[in-house]
Amino acid sequence: MQIHDFSDKSSVLNTFVSEIRSITIQKDRMRFRRNIERVGEILSYEMSKTLSSDFISVETPLGKSDINLPKNDIVICSILRAGLPFHNGILNYFDKAENAFISAYRHHLNSKDFEIIVEYIASPNLENKTLVLVDPMLATGQSLALTYEALKSHGTPKQIHLLSVIGAKTGVDYIKDKFPKNTHLWIAAIDDNLNDKGYIVPGLGDAGDLAFGPKLKN
């Protein structure tokens, strides 16, 4: 797996990451969603540099211009619900992409242990397409791995890109062997630790709750 970690790179991306981490700024739910969306846009731009491309002739009012454009058939797949703002940011840049959605959630067995349950899949055919798998918080890595397993029945992608906002080293290490070797991971920041509940430290908290409000606990 090729890992593109932007943690140590100086760019405006860090501004948006700092704001979604801030316990003060993240209280503004609309700004939190927009910052997640912005991170998705920037990572999409960086990812676009690696896609296949071809020159297309575009007619202008004064002549013709040959422009090198990406030509991949892209499917963006998000894990509900925290992935929705991130998905929108990526879709802003790949507006012709097809879309897939998966419901995956943590089922807590006790105060420390949990399992990931996948219940719902809506996906187009993935055969020979470029799969962009989206999960803003790469904590244990189980959600991404199980989502990929669930999608295998929809065809074999030609290329796979994983996009995350913040990950933990544990989760990044876990998924390395769960995806094909030519998979790319694009991530804004990687943190060192997970706490005993499987949340990234320092992380930012629960991205789904911060984006859409707290949910009832089962």
N, C-alpha and C. Protein backbone atom coordinates (compact mmCIF):
# COMPACT_ATOMS: atom_id res chain seq x y z
N MET A 1 0.84 -1.19 0.00
CA MET A 1 0.00 0.00 0.00
C MET A 1 0.88 1.25 0.00
N GLN A 2 0.52 2.20 -0.84
CA GLN A 2 1.24 3.47 -0.87
C GLN A 2 0.49 4.48 0.01
N ILE A 3 1.19 5.01 1.00
CA ILE A 3 0.58 5.92 1.97
C ILE A 3 1.02 7.35 1.68
N HIS A 4 0.05 8.23 1.48
CA HIS A 4 0.31 9.65 1.25
C HIS A 4 -0.17 10.40 2.48
N ASP A 5 0.75 10.64 3.41
CA ASP A 5 0.44 11.28 4.70
C ASP A 5 0.86 12.74 4.63
N PHE A 6 -0.11 13.64 4.81
CA PHE A 6 0.16 15.07 4.69
C PHE A 6 0.39 15.73 6.05
N SER A 7 0.62 14.94 7.08
CA SER A 7 0.80 15.47 8.44
C SER A 7 1.93 16.49 8.52
N ASP A 8 3.05 16.17 7.87
CA ASP A 8 4.24 17.01 8.03
C ASP A 8 4.43 17.98 6.88
N LYS A 9 3.43 18.14 6.03
CA LYS A 9 3.53 19.07 4.91
C LYS A 9 2.83 20.38 5.26
N SER A 10 3.48 21.49 4.95
CA SER A 10 2.91 22.80 5.25
C SER A 10 1.97 23.23 4.12
N SER A 11 0.68 23.32 4.43
CA SER A 11 -0.31 23.77 3.44
C SER A 11 -1.56 24.22 4.16
N VAL A 12 -2.49 24.79 3.40
CA VAL A 12 -3.76 25.24 3.97
C VAL A 12 -4.57 24.06 4.50
N LEU A 13 -4.25 22.85 4.08
CA LEU A 13 -4.93 21.66 4.61
C LEU A 13 -4.84 21.62 6.13
N ASN A 14 -3.70 22.02 6.67
CA ASN A 14 -3.51 21.99 8.12
C ASN A 14 -4.45 22.96 8.85
N THR A 15 -4.84 24.04 8.18
CA THR A 15 -5.79 24.98 8.78
C THR A 15 -7.11 24.29 9.06
N PHE A 16 -7.59 23.55 8.08
CA PHE A 16 -8.89 22.89 8.23
C PHE A 16 -8.80 21.73 9.24
N VAL A 17 -7.67 21.03 9.25
CA VAL A 17 -7.49 19.95 10.23
C VAL A 17 -7.45 20.53 11.64
N SER A 18 -6.77 21.66 11.83
CA SER A 18 -6.69 22.26 13.16
C SER A 18 -8.07 22.69 13.64
N GLU A 19 -8.91 23.18 12.73
CA GLU A 19 -10.24 23.64 13.13
C GLU A 19 -11.18 22.48 13.47
N ILE A 20 -11.08 21.37 12.74
CA ILE A 20 -11.96 20.25 13.09
C ILE A 20 -11.50 19.56 14.37
N ARG A 21 -10.25 19.76 14.75
CA ARG A 21 -9.76 19.20 16.03
C ARG A 21 -10.14 20.09 17.21
N SER A 22 -10.25 21.40 17.01
CA SER A 22 -10.43 22.37 18.09
C SER A 22 -11.77 22.19 18.80
N ILE A 23 -11.75 22.00 20.10
CA ILE A 23 -12.99 21.81 20.86
C ILE A 23 -13.86 23.06 20.84
N THR A 24 -13.26 24.20 20.52
CA THR A 24 -14.04 25.44 20.43
C THR A 24 -14.68 25.58 19.06
N ILE A 25 -13.89 25.47 18.00
CA ILE A 25 -14.40 25.70 16.64
C ILE A 25 -15.33 24.57 16.21
N GLN A 26 -15.05 23.35 16.63
CA GLN A 26 -15.86 22.22 16.17
C GLN A 26 -17.29 22.24 16.73
N LYS A 27 -17.55 23.12 17.69
CA LYS A 27 -18.92 23.26 18.20
C LYS A 27 -19.85 23.86 17.15
N ASP A 28 -19.28 24.55 16.18
CA ASP A 28 -20.06 25.07 15.05
C ASP A 28 -20.23 23.93 14.06
N ARG A 29 -21.39 23.28 14.11
CA ARG A 29 -21.63 22.06 13.34
C ARG A 29 -21.51 22.30 11.83
N MET A 30 -22.00 23.46 11.38
CA MET A 30 -21.93 23.76 9.95
C MET A 30 -20.47 23.92 9.51
N ARG A 31 -19.68 24.62 10.32
CA ARG A 31 -18.28 24.81 9.97
C ARG A 31 -17.53 23.48 10.02
N PHE A 32 -17.87 22.63 10.97
CA PHE A 32 -17.23 21.32 11.05
C PHE A 32 -17.47 20.53 9.76
N ARG A 33 -18.73 20.50 9.31
CA ARG A 33 -19.04 19.77 8.08
C ARG A 33 -18.30 20.37 6.89
N ARG A 34 -18.26 21.70 6.82
CA ARG A 34 -17.60 22.35 5.69
C ARG A 34 -16.09 22.10 5.70
N ASN A 35 -15.48 22.06 6.87
CA ASN A 35 -14.05 21.79 6.95
C ASN A 35 -13.74 20.35 6.55
N ILE A 36 -14.60 19.41 6.95
CA ILE A 36 -14.42 18.02 6.49
C ILE A 36 -14.52 17.97 4.97
N GLU A 37 -15.47 18.71 4.43
CA GLU A 37 -15.66 18.78 2.98
C GLU A 37 -14.41 19.36 2.30
N ARG A 38 -13.84 20.40 2.89
CA ARG A 38 -12.64 21.02 2.33
C ARG A 38 -11.46 20.05 2.31
N VAL A 39 -11.31 19.28 3.38
CA VAL A 39 -10.25 18.28 3.42
C VAL A 39 -10.45 17.27 2.28
N GLY A 40 -11.70 16.87 2.07
CA GLY A 40 -12.00 15.96 0.96
C GLY A 40 -11.62 16.54 -0.38
N GLU A 41 -11.85 17.84 -0.55
CA GLU A 41 -11.51 18.50 -1.81
C GLU A 41 -10.00 18.51 -2.04
N ILE A 42 -9.24 18.84 -1.01
CA ILE A 42 -7.80 18.93 -1.16
C ILE A 42 -7.19 17.55 -1.43
N LEU A 43 -7.63 16.53 -0.68
CA LEU A 43 -7.12 15.18 -0.90
C LEU A 43 -7.50 14.68 -2.29
N SER A 44 -8.68 15.08 -2.77
CA SER A 44 -9.10 14.70 -4.12
C SER A 44 -8.17 15.30 -5.17
N TYR A 45 -7.81 16.55 -4.97
CA TYR A 45 -6.87 17.20 -5.90
C TYR A 45 -5.53 16.47 -5.92
N GLU A 46 -5.02 16.13 -4.75
CA GLU A 46 -3.75 15.42 -4.69
C GLU A 46 -3.87 14.05 -5.35
N MET A 47 -4.96 13.36 -5.10
CA MET A 47 -5.17 12.04 -5.69
C MET A 47 -5.27 12.13 -7.21
N SER A 48 -5.87 13.20 -7.72
CA SER A 48 -6.10 13.34 -9.16
C SER A 48 -4.80 13.34 -9.95
N LYS A 49 -3.71 13.72 -9.32
CA LYS A 49 -2.42 13.76 -10.01
C LYS A 49 -1.94 12.37 -10.39
N THR A 50 -2.47 11.32 -9.75
CA THR A 50 -2.01 9.95 -10.01
C THR A 50 -2.94 9.19 -10.96
N LEU A 51 -4.06 9.80 -11.36
CA LEU A 51 -5.03 9.10 -12.19
C LEU A 51 -4.59 9.09 -13.65
N SER A 52 -5.12 8.12 -14.39
CA SER A 52 -4.87 8.08 -15.83
C SER A 52 -5.50 9.30 -16.48
N SER A 53 -4.86 9.77 -17.55
CA SER A 53 -5.36 10.97 -18.21
C SER A 53 -5.16 10.87 -19.72
N ASP A 54 -5.82 11.76 -20.43
CA ASP A 54 -5.72 11.80 -21.88
C ASP A 54 -6.00 13.23 -22.35
N PHE A 55 -5.39 13.60 -23.45
CA PHE A 55 -5.60 14.95 -23.98
C PHE A 55 -6.92 15.02 -24.74
N ILE A 56 -7.71 16.02 -24.40
CA ILE A 56 -8.99 16.27 -25.04
C ILE A 56 -8.95 17.65 -25.70
N SER A 57 -9.45 17.73 -26.90
CA SER A 57 -9.50 19.02 -27.59
C SER A 57 -10.79 19.74 -27.24
N VAL A 58 -10.64 20.96 -26.71
CA VAL A 58 -11.77 21.78 -26.30
C VAL A 58 -11.84 23.01 -27.21
N GLU A 59 -13.02 23.23 -27.77
CA GLU A 59 -13.19 24.38 -28.66
C GLU A 59 -13.57 25.62 -27.85
N THR A 60 -12.81 26.67 -28.03
CA THR A 60 -13.08 27.97 -27.38
C THR A 60 -13.66 28.92 -28.43
N PRO A 61 -14.13 30.10 -28.02
CA PRO A 61 -14.63 31.06 -29.01
C PRO A 61 -13.58 31.49 -30.04
N LEU A 62 -12.28 31.28 -29.68
CA LEU A 62 -11.21 31.77 -30.57
C LEU A 62 -10.34 30.66 -31.15
N GLY A 63 -10.68 29.42 -30.86
CA GLY A 63 -9.85 28.34 -31.40
C GLY A 63 -10.03 27.07 -30.61
N LYS A 64 -8.99 26.21 -30.59
CA LYS A 64 -9.05 24.95 -29.87
C LYS A 64 -7.88 24.85 -28.89
N SER A 65 -8.15 24.17 -27.78
CA SER A 65 -7.13 23.97 -26.75
C SER A 65 -7.10 22.50 -26.36
N ASP A 66 -5.90 21.91 -26.36
CA ASP A 66 -5.74 20.53 -25.94
C ASP A 66 -5.44 20.51 -24.44
N ILE A 67 -6.29 19.81 -23.68
CA ILE A 67 -6.18 19.79 -22.22
C ILE A 67 -6.08 18.34 -21.74
N ASN A 68 -5.15 18.10 -20.82
CA ASN A 68 -4.93 16.76 -20.29
C ASN A 68 -5.91 16.50 -19.14
N LEU A 69 -6.89 15.62 -19.35
CA LEU A 69 -7.96 15.39 -18.37
C LEU A 69 -7.92 13.97 -17.83
N PRO A 70 -8.25 13.79 -16.52
CA PRO A 70 -8.39 12.44 -15.98
C PRO A 70 -9.47 11.67 -16.73
N LYS A 71 -9.25 10.36 -16.92
CA LYS A 71 -10.22 9.58 -17.68
C LYS A 71 -10.73 8.35 -16.93
N ASN A 72 -10.43 8.26 -15.63
CA ASN A 72 -10.86 7.11 -14.85
C ASN A 72 -12.38 7.09 -14.66
N ASP A 73 -12.95 5.88 -14.67
CA ASP A 73 -14.34 5.68 -14.26
C ASP A 73 -14.36 5.51 -12.75
N ILE A 74 -14.78 6.55 -12.04
CA ILE A 74 -14.64 6.59 -10.59
C ILE A 74 -15.96 6.26 -9.90
N VAL A 75 -15.86 5.47 -8.83
CA VAL A 75 -16.98 5.23 -7.93
C VAL A 75 -16.54 5.66 -6.53
N ILE A 76 -17.26 6.62 -5.95
CA ILE A 76 -16.96 7.08 -4.59
C ILE A 76 -17.88 6.33 -3.63
N CYS A 77 -17.28 5.64 -2.67
CA CYS A 77 -18.07 4.88 -1.70
C CYS A 77 -17.81 5.40 -0.29
N SER A 78 -18.87 5.82 0.39
CA SER A 78 -18.74 6.36 1.74
C SER A 78 -19.40 5.44 2.76
N ILE A 79 -18.83 5.46 3.95
CA ILE A 79 -19.38 4.73 5.08
C ILE A 79 -20.25 5.70 5.88
N LEU A 80 -21.53 5.41 5.96
CA LEU A 80 -22.47 6.28 6.66
C LEU A 80 -22.24 6.23 8.16
N ARG A 81 -22.51 7.35 8.89
CA ARG A 81 -23.01 8.62 8.42
C ARG A 81 -21.93 9.69 8.39
N ALA A 82 -20.84 9.43 9.13
CA ALA A 82 -19.77 10.43 9.24
C ALA A 82 -19.13 10.74 7.90
N GLY A 83 -19.23 9.81 6.96
CA GLY A 83 -18.58 9.99 5.68
C GLY A 83 -19.27 10.96 4.74
N LEU A 84 -20.50 11.39 5.05
CA LEU A 84 -21.27 12.19 4.10
C LEU A 84 -20.63 13.54 3.75
N PRO A 85 -20.19 14.37 4.70
CA PRO A 85 -19.55 15.63 4.32
C PRO A 85 -18.26 15.40 3.54
N PHE A 86 -17.51 14.39 3.92
CA PHE A 86 -16.27 14.04 3.24
C PHE A 86 -16.57 13.61 1.80
N HIS A 87 -17.61 12.81 1.65
CA HIS A 87 -18.07 12.35 0.34
C HIS A 87 -18.41 13.55 -0.55
N ASN A 88 -19.12 14.52 0.00
CA ASN A 88 -19.51 15.69 -0.78
C ASN A 88 -18.29 16.47 -1.28
N GLY A 89 -17.25 16.57 -0.44
CA GLY A 89 -16.04 17.26 -0.86
C GLY A 89 -15.37 16.57 -2.04
N ILE A 90 -15.33 15.26 -2.00
CA ILE A 90 -14.72 14.49 -3.10
C ILE A 90 -15.59 14.58 -4.34
N LEU A 91 -16.89 14.54 -4.16
CA LEU A 91 -17.82 14.63 -5.29
C LEU A 91 -17.78 16.02 -5.93
N ASN A 92 -17.43 17.05 -5.17
CA ASN A 92 -17.27 18.39 -5.73
C ASN A 92 -16.19 18.41 -6.82
N TYR A 93 -15.18 17.57 -6.65
CA TYR A 93 -14.07 17.55 -7.59
C TYR A 93 -14.23 16.46 -8.66
N PHE A 94 -14.92 15.41 -8.34
CA PHE A 94 -15.20 14.34 -9.31
C PHE A 94 -16.71 14.24 -9.49
N ASP A 95 -17.26 15.31 -10.07
CA ASP A 95 -18.72 15.45 -10.10
C ASP A 95 -19.41 14.47 -11.06
N LYS A 96 -18.64 13.80 -11.92
CA LYS A 96 -19.23 12.82 -12.82
C LYS A 96 -19.12 11.39 -12.28
N ALA A 97 -18.58 11.25 -11.09
CA ALA A 97 -18.37 9.93 -10.51
C ALA A 97 -19.69 9.26 -10.16
N GLU A 98 -19.68 7.93 -10.19
CA GLU A 98 -20.78 7.16 -9.63
C GLU A 98 -20.60 7.11 -8.11
N ASN A 99 -21.66 6.70 -7.41
CA ASN A 99 -21.62 6.76 -5.95
C ASN A 99 -22.14 5.47 -5.33
N ALA A 100 -21.53 5.12 -4.21
CA ALA A 100 -21.96 3.96 -3.43
C ALA A 100 -21.98 4.36 -1.96
N PHE A 101 -22.85 3.67 -1.19
CA PHE A 101 -22.97 3.97 0.24
C PHE A 101 -23.11 2.67 1.02
N ILE A 102 -22.46 2.65 2.17
CA ILE A 102 -22.51 1.47 3.04
C ILE A 102 -22.80 1.93 4.48
N SER A 103 -23.67 1.20 5.15
CA SER A 103 -23.93 1.44 6.56
C SER A 103 -23.08 0.48 7.39
N ALA A 104 -22.14 1.04 8.15
CA ALA A 104 -21.29 0.24 9.03
C ALA A 104 -21.24 0.94 10.39
N TYR A 105 -21.44 0.19 11.44
CA TYR A 105 -21.44 0.81 12.76
C TYR A 105 -20.82 -0.13 13.79
N ARG A 106 -20.45 0.48 14.91
CA ARG A 106 -19.86 -0.29 16.01
C ARG A 106 -20.96 -0.87 16.89
N HIS A 107 -20.94 -2.18 17.06
CA HIS A 107 -21.83 -2.84 18.01
C HIS A 107 -21.00 -3.18 19.24
N HIS A 108 -21.26 -2.47 20.34
CA HIS A 108 -20.44 -2.64 21.54
C HIS A 108 -20.87 -3.88 22.31
N LEU A 109 -19.90 -4.76 22.51
CA LEU A 109 -20.15 -6.00 23.25
C LEU A 109 -20.07 -5.77 24.75
N ASN A 110 -19.21 -4.82 25.15
CA ASN A 110 -19.10 -4.40 26.55
C ASN A 110 -18.46 -3.01 26.53
N SER A 111 -17.96 -2.55 27.65
CA SER A 111 -17.45 -1.18 27.74
C SER A 111 -16.19 -0.95 26.91
N LYS A 112 -15.48 -2.03 26.53
CA LYS A 112 -14.23 -1.89 25.80
C LYS A 112 -14.26 -2.54 24.42
N ASP A 113 -14.97 -3.63 24.27
CA ASP A 113 -14.92 -4.40 23.03
C ASP A 113 -16.12 -4.11 22.14
N PHE A 114 -15.88 -4.11 20.83
CA PHE A 114 -16.96 -3.89 19.88
C PHE A 114 -16.65 -4.65 18.59
N GLU A 115 -17.70 -4.83 17.78
CA GLU A 115 -17.53 -5.41 16.45
C GLU A 115 -18.19 -4.47 15.45
N ILE A 116 -17.71 -4.52 14.20
CA ILE A 116 -18.26 -3.67 13.15
C ILE A 116 -19.34 -4.46 12.41
N ILE A 117 -20.51 -3.87 12.32
CA ILE A 117 -21.64 -4.50 11.63
C ILE A 117 -21.91 -3.73 10.33
N VAL A 118 -21.95 -4.46 9.21
CA VAL A 118 -22.31 -3.88 7.92
C VAL A 118 -23.72 -4.34 7.58
N GLU A 119 -24.66 -3.38 7.40
CA GLU A 119 -26.06 -3.74 7.20
C GLU A 119 -26.62 -3.38 5.83
N TYR A 120 -26.10 -2.32 5.21
CA TYR A 120 -26.74 -1.80 4.00
C TYR A 120 -25.69 -1.44 2.97
N ILE A 121 -25.93 -1.86 1.72
CA ILE A 121 -25.01 -1.53 0.62
C ILE A 121 -25.83 -1.07 -0.58
N ALA A 122 -25.46 0.06 -1.14
CA ALA A 122 -26.01 0.52 -2.42
C ALA A 122 -24.82 0.89 -3.30
N SER A 123 -24.56 0.09 -4.33
CA SER A 123 -23.36 0.29 -5.13
C SER A 123 -23.60 -0.07 -6.58
N PRO A 124 -22.99 0.67 -7.50
CA PRO A 124 -23.01 0.27 -8.91
C PRO A 124 -21.99 -0.84 -9.15
N ASN A 125 -21.90 -1.30 -10.37
CA ASN A 125 -20.89 -2.28 -10.75
C ASN A 125 -19.50 -1.66 -10.62
N LEU A 126 -18.58 -2.36 -9.97
CA LEU A 126 -17.23 -1.84 -9.73
C LEU A 126 -16.18 -2.43 -10.66
N GLU A 127 -16.59 -3.30 -11.55
CA GLU A 127 -15.64 -4.01 -12.40
C GLU A 127 -14.80 -3.04 -13.24
N ASN A 128 -13.46 -3.15 -13.08
CA ASN A 128 -12.48 -2.35 -13.83
C ASN A 128 -12.62 -0.84 -13.62
N LYS A 129 -13.24 -0.43 -12.52
CA LYS A 129 -13.38 0.99 -12.23
C LYS A 129 -12.40 1.40 -11.13
N THR A 130 -12.32 2.70 -10.89
CA THR A 130 -11.48 3.23 -9.82
C THR A 130 -12.35 3.45 -8.59
N LEU A 131 -12.13 2.64 -7.57
CA LEU A 131 -12.91 2.73 -6.33
C LEU A 131 -12.23 3.70 -5.37
N VAL A 132 -12.97 4.73 -4.96
CA VAL A 132 -12.50 5.68 -3.95
C VAL A 132 -13.30 5.42 -2.69
N LEU A 133 -12.68 4.76 -1.73
CA LEU A 133 -13.35 4.36 -0.50
C LEU A 133 -13.09 5.39 0.58
N VAL A 134 -14.17 5.94 1.15
CA VAL A 134 -14.10 7.14 1.99
C VAL A 134 -14.51 6.82 3.43
N ASP A 135 -13.63 7.10 4.36
CA ASP A 135 -13.94 6.98 5.79
C ASP A 135 -13.13 8.04 6.53
N PRO A 136 -13.78 9.10 7.06
CA PRO A 136 -13.01 10.21 7.63
C PRO A 136 -12.12 9.83 8.80
N MET A 137 -12.55 8.87 9.63
CA MET A 137 -11.77 8.48 10.80
C MET A 137 -11.30 7.04 10.65
N LEU A 138 -10.00 6.86 10.43
CA LEU A 138 -9.42 5.54 10.28
C LEU A 138 -8.86 5.14 11.64
N ALA A 139 -9.71 4.57 12.47
CA ALA A 139 -9.32 4.24 13.85
C ALA A 139 -8.70 2.84 13.90
N THR A 140 -9.52 1.81 14.03
CA THR A 140 -8.99 0.44 14.06
C THR A 140 -8.74 -0.10 12.66
N GLY A 141 -9.39 0.49 11.66
CA GLY A 141 -9.27 0.01 10.29
C GLY A 141 -10.28 -1.07 9.92
N GLN A 142 -11.05 -1.53 10.91
CA GLN A 142 -12.00 -2.62 10.66
C GLN A 142 -13.11 -2.22 9.70
N SER A 143 -13.59 -0.98 9.82
CA SER A 143 -14.68 -0.52 8.95
C SER A 143 -14.27 -0.55 7.49
N LEU A 144 -13.09 -0.02 7.18
CA LEU A 144 -12.61 -0.01 5.81
C LEU A 144 -12.42 -1.42 5.27
N ALA A 145 -11.83 -2.28 6.09
CA ALA A 145 -11.57 -3.65 5.65
C ALA A 145 -12.87 -4.42 5.39
N LEU A 146 -13.84 -4.30 6.29
CA LEU A 146 -15.11 -5.01 6.12
C LEU A 146 -15.91 -4.43 4.96
N THR A 147 -15.83 -3.11 4.77
CA THR A 147 -16.51 -2.49 3.64
C THR A 147 -15.96 -3.02 2.32
N TYR A 148 -14.65 -3.13 2.24
CA TYR A 148 -14.03 -3.67 1.02
C TYR A 148 -14.48 -5.10 0.77
N GLU A 149 -14.53 -5.91 1.82
CA GLU A 149 -15.00 -7.30 1.67
C GLU A 149 -16.44 -7.34 1.18
N ALA A 150 -17.27 -6.45 1.71
CA ALA A 150 -18.68 -6.42 1.32
C ALA A 150 -18.86 -5.99 -0.13
N LEU A 151 -17.94 -5.16 -0.63
CA LEU A 151 -18.05 -4.66 -2.00
C LEU A 151 -17.53 -5.63 -3.05
N LYS A 152 -16.83 -6.66 -2.64
CA LYS A 152 -16.23 -7.58 -3.61
C LYS A 152 -17.26 -8.25 -4.50
N SER A 153 -18.48 -8.41 -4.01
CA SER A 153 -19.53 -9.05 -4.80
C SER A 153 -20.03 -8.14 -5.92
N HIS A 154 -19.60 -6.86 -5.91
CA HIS A 154 -20.04 -5.90 -6.94
C HIS A 154 -19.01 -5.71 -8.05
N GLY A 155 -17.98 -6.54 -8.06
CA GLY A 155 -16.97 -6.47 -9.11
C GLY A 155 -15.59 -6.15 -8.56
N THR A 156 -14.59 -6.33 -9.41
CA THR A 156 -13.20 -6.10 -9.01
C THR A 156 -12.70 -4.77 -9.58
N PRO A 157 -12.41 -3.80 -8.73
CA PRO A 157 -11.94 -2.50 -9.23
C PRO A 157 -10.55 -2.62 -9.87
N LYS A 158 -10.30 -1.76 -10.82
CA LYS A 158 -8.98 -1.70 -11.45
C LYS A 158 -7.98 -1.04 -10.51
N GLN A 159 -8.46 -0.10 -9.72
CA GLN A 159 -7.60 0.64 -8.81
C GLN A 159 -8.41 1.04 -7.58
N ILE A 160 -7.74 1.10 -6.42
CA ILE A 160 -8.41 1.48 -5.17
C ILE A 160 -7.66 2.62 -4.50
N HIS A 161 -8.41 3.64 -4.12
CA HIS A 161 -7.87 4.75 -3.34
C HIS A 161 -8.69 4.87 -2.05
N LEU A 162 -8.01 4.97 -0.93
CA LEU A 162 -8.65 5.17 0.37
C LEU A 162 -8.40 6.60 0.81
N LEU A 163 -9.45 7.29 1.23
CA LEU A 163 -9.31 8.68 1.70
C LEU A 163 -9.81 8.79 3.13
N SER A 164 -8.97 9.37 4.00
CA SER A 164 -9.34 9.59 5.39
C SER A 164 -8.83 10.95 5.84
N VAL A 165 -9.52 11.51 6.83
CA VAL A 165 -9.09 12.79 7.40
C VAL A 165 -8.01 12.55 8.44
N ILE A 166 -8.34 11.75 9.46
CA ILE A 166 -7.39 11.44 10.53
C ILE A 166 -7.39 9.94 10.76
N GLY A 167 -6.21 9.39 10.96
CA GLY A 167 -6.08 7.97 11.24
C GLY A 167 -5.19 7.72 12.44
N ALA A 168 -5.23 6.51 12.93
CA ALA A 168 -4.31 6.07 13.98
C ALA A 168 -3.31 5.10 13.35
N LYS A 169 -2.09 5.10 13.85
CA LYS A 169 -1.06 4.20 13.30
C LYS A 169 -1.52 2.75 13.33
N THR A 170 -2.24 2.38 14.39
CA THR A 170 -2.75 1.02 14.51
C THR A 170 -3.66 0.66 13.35
N GLY A 171 -4.58 1.57 13.02
CA GLY A 171 -5.51 1.33 11.94
C GLY A 171 -4.83 1.29 10.59
N VAL A 172 -3.88 2.19 10.38
CA VAL A 172 -3.14 2.21 9.12
C VAL A 172 -2.37 0.90 8.94
N ASP A 173 -1.73 0.44 9.99
CA ASP A 173 -1.01 -0.83 9.92
C ASP A 173 -1.95 -2.00 9.65
N TYR A 174 -3.14 -1.95 10.25
CA TYR A 174 -4.10 -3.05 10.10
C TYR A 174 -4.55 -3.22 8.66
N ILE A 175 -4.81 -2.12 7.96
CA ILE A 175 -5.37 -2.23 6.61
C ILE A 175 -4.33 -2.51 5.54
N LYS A 176 -3.05 -2.42 5.87
CA LYS A 176 -2.01 -2.63 4.87
C LYS A 176 -2.13 -3.98 4.18
N ASP A 177 -2.51 -5.00 4.93
CA ASP A 177 -2.60 -6.35 4.38
C ASP A 177 -4.02 -6.72 3.96
N LYS A 178 -4.96 -5.78 4.08
CA LYS A 178 -6.35 -6.06 3.76
C LYS A 178 -6.74 -5.62 2.35
N PHE A 179 -5.85 -4.88 1.71
CA PHE A 179 -6.12 -4.35 0.37
C PHE A 179 -5.00 -4.75 -0.58
N PRO A 180 -5.26 -4.70 -1.89
CA PRO A 180 -4.19 -5.00 -2.86
C PRO A 180 -2.98 -4.09 -2.67
N LYS A 181 -1.81 -4.56 -3.08
CA LYS A 181 -0.57 -3.83 -2.83
C LYS A 181 -0.53 -2.48 -3.54
N ASN A 182 -1.23 -2.35 -4.65
CA ASN A 182 -1.20 -1.08 -5.38
C ASN A 182 -2.24 -0.08 -4.90
N THR A 183 -2.87 -0.35 -3.76
CA THR A 183 -3.84 0.58 -3.17
C THR A 183 -3.12 1.82 -2.64
N HIS A 184 -3.77 2.98 -2.79
CA HIS A 184 -3.24 4.24 -2.27
C HIS A 184 -4.09 4.70 -1.09
N LEU A 185 -3.44 5.15 -0.01
CA LEU A 185 -4.12 5.79 1.11
C LEU A 185 -3.74 7.26 1.14
N TRP A 186 -4.76 8.14 1.07
CA TRP A 186 -4.56 9.58 1.13
C TRP A 186 -5.15 10.07 2.46
N ILE A 187 -4.31 10.64 3.31
CA ILE A 187 -4.76 10.96 4.66
C ILE A 187 -4.13 12.27 5.13
N ALA A 188 -4.94 13.10 5.78
CA ALA A 188 -4.48 14.43 6.20
C ALA A 188 -3.58 14.38 7.43
N ALA A 189 -3.81 13.42 8.34
CA ALA A 189 -3.01 13.33 9.56
C ALA A 189 -3.08 11.93 10.13
N ILE A 190 -1.97 11.48 10.71
CA ILE A 190 -1.93 10.19 11.39
C ILE A 190 -1.49 10.42 12.83
N ASP A 191 -2.33 9.98 13.78
CA ASP A 191 -2.03 10.12 15.20
C ASP A 191 -1.45 8.81 15.74
N ASP A 192 -0.85 8.90 16.93
CA ASP A 192 -0.11 7.76 17.46
C ASP A 192 -0.96 6.68 18.09
N ASN A 193 -2.07 7.07 18.75
CA ASN A 193 -2.71 6.13 19.65
C ASN A 193 -4.21 5.96 19.44
N LEU A 194 -4.73 4.85 19.98
CA LEU A 194 -6.16 4.62 20.19
C LEU A 194 -6.38 4.47 21.69
N ASN A 195 -7.54 4.99 22.18
CA ASN A 195 -7.83 4.75 23.60
C ASN A 195 -8.50 3.39 23.77
N ASP A 196 -8.89 3.05 25.01
CA ASP A 196 -9.43 1.72 25.27
C ASP A 196 -10.81 1.50 24.66
N LYS A 197 -11.43 2.57 24.12
CA LYS A 197 -12.72 2.44 23.43
C LYS A 197 -12.57 2.46 21.91
N GLY A 198 -11.32 2.48 21.45
CA GLY A 198 -11.08 2.44 20.01
C GLY A 198 -11.19 3.77 19.31
N TYR A 199 -11.09 4.88 20.06
CA TYR A 199 -11.12 6.21 19.46
C TYR A 199 -9.70 6.74 19.30
N ILE A 200 -9.48 7.52 18.22
CA ILE A 200 -8.16 8.06 17.92
C ILE A 200 -7.79 9.15 18.93
N VAL A 201 -6.54 9.10 19.41
CA VAL A 201 -6.02 10.10 20.36
C VAL A 201 -4.78 10.76 19.74
N PRO A 202 -4.75 12.11 19.64
CA PRO A 202 -5.74 13.08 20.11
C PRO A 202 -7.00 13.17 19.23
N GLY A 203 -6.93 12.79 17.97
CA GLY A 203 -8.12 12.72 17.14
C GLY A 203 -8.94 13.99 17.13
N LEU A 204 -10.26 13.80 17.18
CA LEU A 204 -11.16 14.96 17.24
C LEU A 204 -12.48 14.65 17.93
N GLY A 205 -12.67 13.39 18.35
CA GLY A 205 -13.95 12.97 18.93
C GLY A 205 -14.73 12.14 17.93
N ASP A 206 -16.05 12.13 18.07
CA ASP A 206 -16.92 11.36 17.19
C ASP A 206 -17.33 12.24 16.00
N ALA A 207 -16.80 11.94 14.82
CA ALA A 207 -17.04 12.79 13.64
C ALA A 207 -18.52 12.82 13.26
N GLY A 208 -19.20 11.70 13.39
CA GLY A 208 -20.62 11.66 13.06
C GLY A 208 -21.44 12.55 13.97
N ASP A 209 -21.18 12.49 15.27
CA ASP A 209 -21.90 13.34 16.23
C ASP A 209 -21.60 14.81 16.01
N LEU A 210 -20.33 15.13 15.72
CA LEU A 210 -19.96 16.52 15.51
C LEU A 210 -20.58 17.09 14.24
N ALA A 211 -20.77 16.24 13.24
CA ALA A 211 -21.35 16.70 11.98
C ALA A 211 -22.86 16.79 12.03
N PHE A 212 -23.51 15.83 12.71
CA PHE A 212 -24.97 15.72 12.60
C PHE A 212 -25.71 15.69 13.93
N GLY A 213 -24.98 15.73 15.04
CA GLY A 213 -25.64 15.69 16.34
C GLY A 213 -25.52 14.32 16.97
N PRO A 214 -25.61 14.25 18.30
CA PRO A 214 -25.46 12.97 18.99
C PRO A 214 -26.59 12.00 18.67
N LYS A 215 -26.28 10.73 18.73
CA LYS A 215 -27.25 9.67 18.46
C LYS A 215 -27.58 8.95 19.75
N LEU A 216 -28.72 8.28 19.77
CA LEU A 216 -29.08 7.46 20.91
C LEU A 216 -28.15 6.27 21.01
N LYS A 217 -27.74 5.92 22.20
CA LYS A 217 -26.84 4.79 22.41
C LYS A 217 -27.66 3.51 22.56
N ASN A 218 -27.23 2.48 21.87
CA ASN A 218 -27.92 1.17 22.00
C ASN A 218 -27.49 0.47 23.26
